[in-house]
Amino acid sequence: QNQLRPAIFAIANGDSTSTHANSSGTYLFRLPEGTYTLYFDPKNQNFLPDTLQNVEVEAGETLALDRLTFRPRP
């Protein structure tokens, strides 16, 4: 089992903030309301990065996203 500790970037209007997944693969952002692109960097050359577009963040709400599985590089 390969334990990845990816970096995750939340990008909106040219600004970005980042965090890392913990050992169980979960992460948390505290973001202002808006629409974000999430970029997932596996930080491992054997896997491809991934992106989620149009993630809507609403004020005072918690948003849980589906689990993301990194694809191996061909």
N, C-alpha and C. Protein backbone atom coordinates (compact mmCIF):
# COMPACT_ATOMS: atom_id res chain seq x y z
N GLN A 1 0.86 -1.19 0.00
CA GLN A 1 0.00 0.00 0.00
C GLN A 1 0.89 1.24 0.00
N ASN A 2 0.64 2.10 -0.95
CA ASN A 2 1.43 3.32 -1.09
C ASN A 2 0.71 4.46 -0.38
N GLN A 3 1.31 5.01 0.66
CA GLN A 3 0.69 6.11 1.39
C GLN A 3 1.10 7.44 0.76
N LEU A 4 0.18 8.06 0.04
CA LEU A 4 0.45 9.37 -0.54
C LEU A 4 0.06 10.45 0.46
N ARG A 5 0.82 11.53 0.46
CA ARG A 5 0.47 12.69 1.28
C ARG A 5 0.38 13.88 0.33
N PRO A 6 -0.69 13.92 -0.47
CA PRO A 6 -0.77 14.95 -1.51
C PRO A 6 -0.91 16.36 -0.96
N ALA A 7 -0.49 17.30 -1.79
CA ALA A 7 -0.76 18.71 -1.53
C ALA A 7 -2.04 19.05 -2.29
N ILE A 8 -2.92 19.81 -1.66
CA ILE A 8 -4.18 20.20 -2.28
C ILE A 8 -4.21 21.72 -2.32
N PHE A 9 -4.52 22.26 -3.49
CA PHE A 9 -4.58 23.71 -3.70
C PHE A 9 -6.02 24.10 -4.02
N ALA A 10 -6.54 25.11 -3.34
CA ALA A 10 -7.85 25.70 -3.67
C ALA A 10 -7.56 27.01 -4.38
N ILE A 11 -8.03 27.13 -5.63
CA ILE A 11 -7.69 28.27 -6.48
C ILE A 11 -8.98 29.00 -6.87
N ALA A 12 -8.98 30.32 -6.70
CA ALA A 12 -10.12 31.16 -7.11
C ALA A 12 -9.61 32.54 -7.46
N ASN A 13 -10.02 33.05 -8.60
CA ASN A 13 -9.68 34.41 -9.03
C ASN A 13 -8.18 34.68 -8.97
N GLY A 14 -7.38 33.71 -9.37
CA GLY A 14 -5.94 33.90 -9.41
C GLY A 14 -5.23 33.75 -8.08
N ASP A 15 -5.98 33.57 -7.00
CA ASP A 15 -5.38 33.35 -5.68
C ASP A 15 -5.47 31.88 -5.33
N SER A 16 -4.50 31.40 -4.56
CA SER A 16 -4.58 30.00 -4.13
C SER A 16 -4.16 29.87 -2.67
N THR A 17 -4.68 28.85 -2.04
CA THR A 17 -4.26 28.46 -0.70
C THR A 17 -4.07 26.96 -0.75
N SER A 18 -3.20 26.44 0.10
CA SER A 18 -2.92 25.01 0.03
C SER A 18 -2.94 24.36 1.40
N THR A 19 -3.09 23.04 1.37
CA THR A 19 -3.02 22.22 2.57
C THR A 19 -2.49 20.86 2.14
N HIS A 20 -2.28 19.98 3.10
CA HIS A 20 -1.85 18.61 2.81
C HIS A 20 -2.86 17.65 3.42
N ALA A 21 -3.00 16.49 2.78
CA ALA A 21 -3.83 15.44 3.35
C ALA A 21 -3.10 14.84 4.55
N ASN A 22 -3.86 14.41 5.55
CA ASN A 22 -3.24 13.74 6.69
C ASN A 22 -3.05 12.25 6.38
N SER A 23 -2.58 11.47 7.34
CA SER A 23 -2.27 10.07 7.09
C SER A 23 -3.49 9.24 6.71
N SER A 24 -4.69 9.71 7.06
CA SER A 24 -5.90 8.97 6.65
C SER A 24 -6.47 9.51 5.33
N GLY A 25 -5.78 10.50 4.73
CA GLY A 25 -6.20 10.99 3.42
C GLY A 25 -7.22 12.12 3.47
N THR A 26 -7.52 12.63 4.66
CA THR A 26 -8.48 13.72 4.76
C THR A 26 -7.75 15.06 4.85
N TYR A 27 -8.49 16.11 4.47
CA TYR A 27 -7.92 17.45 4.50
C TYR A 27 -9.05 18.44 4.79
N LEU A 28 -8.67 19.64 5.20
CA LEU A 28 -9.66 20.65 5.56
C LEU A 28 -9.17 22.01 5.08
N PHE A 29 -10.07 22.74 4.44
CA PHE A 29 -9.85 24.14 4.10
C PHE A 29 -10.88 24.97 4.83
N ARG A 30 -10.51 26.17 5.23
CA ARG A 30 -11.48 27.17 5.68
C ARG A 30 -11.39 28.27 4.64
N LEU A 31 -12.42 28.34 3.80
CA LEU A 31 -12.38 29.22 2.62
C LEU A 31 -13.53 30.21 2.63
N PRO A 32 -13.30 31.41 2.08
CA PRO A 32 -14.41 32.33 1.87
C PRO A 32 -15.36 31.76 0.82
N GLU A 33 -16.58 32.23 0.87
CA GLU A 33 -17.59 31.81 -0.10
C GLU A 33 -17.08 32.06 -1.52
N GLY A 34 -17.37 31.14 -2.43
CA GLY A 34 -16.95 31.32 -3.81
C GLY A 34 -16.88 30.01 -4.56
N THR A 35 -16.42 30.09 -5.80
CA THR A 35 -16.25 28.91 -6.65
C THR A 35 -14.76 28.66 -6.82
N TYR A 36 -14.35 27.44 -6.55
CA TYR A 36 -12.93 27.09 -6.52
C TYR A 36 -12.61 25.95 -7.48
N THR A 37 -11.37 25.94 -7.92
CA THR A 37 -10.79 24.77 -8.57
C THR A 37 -9.86 24.14 -7.54
N LEU A 38 -10.02 22.84 -7.31
CA LEU A 38 -9.12 22.13 -6.41
C LEU A 38 -8.12 21.35 -7.25
N TYR A 39 -6.84 21.57 -6.98
CA TYR A 39 -5.77 20.87 -7.68
C TYR A 39 -5.08 19.94 -6.69
N PHE A 40 -5.00 18.68 -7.05
CA PHE A 40 -4.42 17.66 -6.17
C PHE A 40 -3.08 17.22 -6.75
N ASP A 41 -2.01 17.50 -6.01
CA ASP A 41 -0.67 17.10 -6.42
C ASP A 41 -0.26 15.89 -5.58
N PRO A 42 -0.16 14.71 -6.19
CA PRO A 42 0.14 13.51 -5.41
C PRO A 42 1.54 13.51 -4.79
N LYS A 43 2.43 14.42 -5.28
CA LYS A 43 3.80 14.48 -4.79
C LYS A 43 4.48 13.12 -4.89
N ASN A 44 4.16 12.40 -5.96
CA ASN A 44 4.73 11.09 -6.22
C ASN A 44 4.75 10.93 -7.73
N GLN A 45 5.93 10.70 -8.30
CA GLN A 45 6.08 10.64 -9.75
C GLN A 45 5.31 9.50 -10.40
N ASN A 46 4.88 8.52 -9.62
CA ASN A 46 4.17 7.37 -10.17
C ASN A 46 2.69 7.63 -10.42
N PHE A 47 2.20 8.80 -9.97
CA PHE A 47 0.77 9.10 -10.09
C PHE A 47 0.54 10.44 -10.78
N LEU A 48 -0.60 10.55 -11.45
CA LEU A 48 -0.98 11.77 -12.14
C LEU A 48 -1.70 12.72 -11.19
N PRO A 49 -1.46 14.04 -11.33
CA PRO A 49 -2.26 14.99 -10.55
C PRO A 49 -3.71 14.96 -11.02
N ASP A 50 -4.59 15.54 -10.25
CA ASP A 50 -6.00 15.59 -10.61
C ASP A 50 -6.57 16.96 -10.25
N THR A 51 -7.69 17.30 -10.88
CA THR A 51 -8.33 18.61 -10.67
C THR A 51 -9.84 18.44 -10.54
N LEU A 52 -10.43 19.16 -9.61
CA LEU A 52 -11.89 19.27 -9.52
C LEU A 52 -12.25 20.72 -9.83
N GLN A 53 -13.11 20.90 -10.83
CA GLN A 53 -13.53 22.24 -11.25
C GLN A 53 -14.83 22.63 -10.56
N ASN A 54 -15.06 23.93 -10.44
CA ASN A 54 -16.36 24.47 -10.02
C ASN A 54 -16.86 23.92 -8.69
N VAL A 55 -15.98 23.91 -7.69
CA VAL A 55 -16.38 23.50 -6.34
C VAL A 55 -16.99 24.72 -5.66
N GLU A 56 -18.28 24.63 -5.33
CA GLU A 56 -19.01 25.76 -4.74
C GLU A 56 -18.89 25.73 -3.22
N VAL A 57 -18.37 26.82 -2.65
CA VAL A 57 -18.27 26.96 -1.20
C VAL A 57 -19.26 28.03 -0.76
N GLU A 58 -20.14 27.67 0.17
CA GLU A 58 -21.13 28.62 0.68
C GLU A 58 -20.78 29.01 2.11
N ALA A 59 -21.05 30.26 2.44
CA ALA A 59 -20.73 30.78 3.78
C ALA A 59 -21.43 29.96 4.85
N GLY A 60 -20.67 29.58 5.88
CA GLY A 60 -21.23 28.87 7.03
C GLY A 60 -21.57 27.41 6.77
N GLU A 61 -21.23 26.88 5.60
CA GLU A 61 -21.56 25.50 5.25
C GLU A 61 -20.30 24.63 5.25
N THR A 62 -20.48 23.35 5.53
CA THR A 62 -19.41 22.37 5.41
C THR A 62 -19.67 21.55 4.16
N LEU A 63 -18.66 21.37 3.35
CA LEU A 63 -18.78 20.62 2.11
C LEU A 63 -17.85 19.42 2.18
N ALA A 64 -18.42 18.23 2.05
CA ALA A 64 -17.61 17.01 2.02
C ALA A 64 -17.59 16.51 0.57
N LEU A 65 -16.40 16.23 0.08
CA LEU A 65 -16.25 15.76 -1.29
C LEU A 65 -16.03 14.26 -1.32
N ASP A 66 -16.39 13.65 -2.46
CA ASP A 66 -16.15 12.22 -2.63
C ASP A 66 -14.65 11.92 -2.59
N ARG A 67 -14.34 10.71 -2.24
CA ARG A 67 -12.94 10.27 -2.19
C ARG A 67 -12.34 10.34 -3.60
N LEU A 68 -11.11 10.81 -3.69
CA LEU A 68 -10.41 10.90 -4.96
C LEU A 68 -9.33 9.83 -5.00
N THR A 69 -9.25 9.11 -6.12
CA THR A 69 -8.21 8.09 -6.28
C THR A 69 -7.27 8.56 -7.40
N PHE A 70 -6.00 8.67 -7.08
CA PHE A 70 -5.02 9.07 -8.09
C PHE A 70 -4.81 7.95 -9.10
N ARG A 71 -4.71 8.34 -10.36
CA ARG A 71 -4.45 7.38 -11.43
C ARG A 71 -2.94 7.20 -11.59
N PRO A 72 -2.50 5.94 -11.76
CA PRO A 72 -1.06 5.71 -11.99
C PRO A 72 -0.63 6.29 -13.33
N ARG A 73 0.59 6.75 -13.41
CA ARG A 73 1.14 7.22 -14.68
C ARG A 73 1.23 6.03 -15.63
N PRO A 74 0.89 6.25 -16.92
CA PRO A 74 0.99 5.15 -17.89
C PRO A 74 2.44 4.73 -18.13
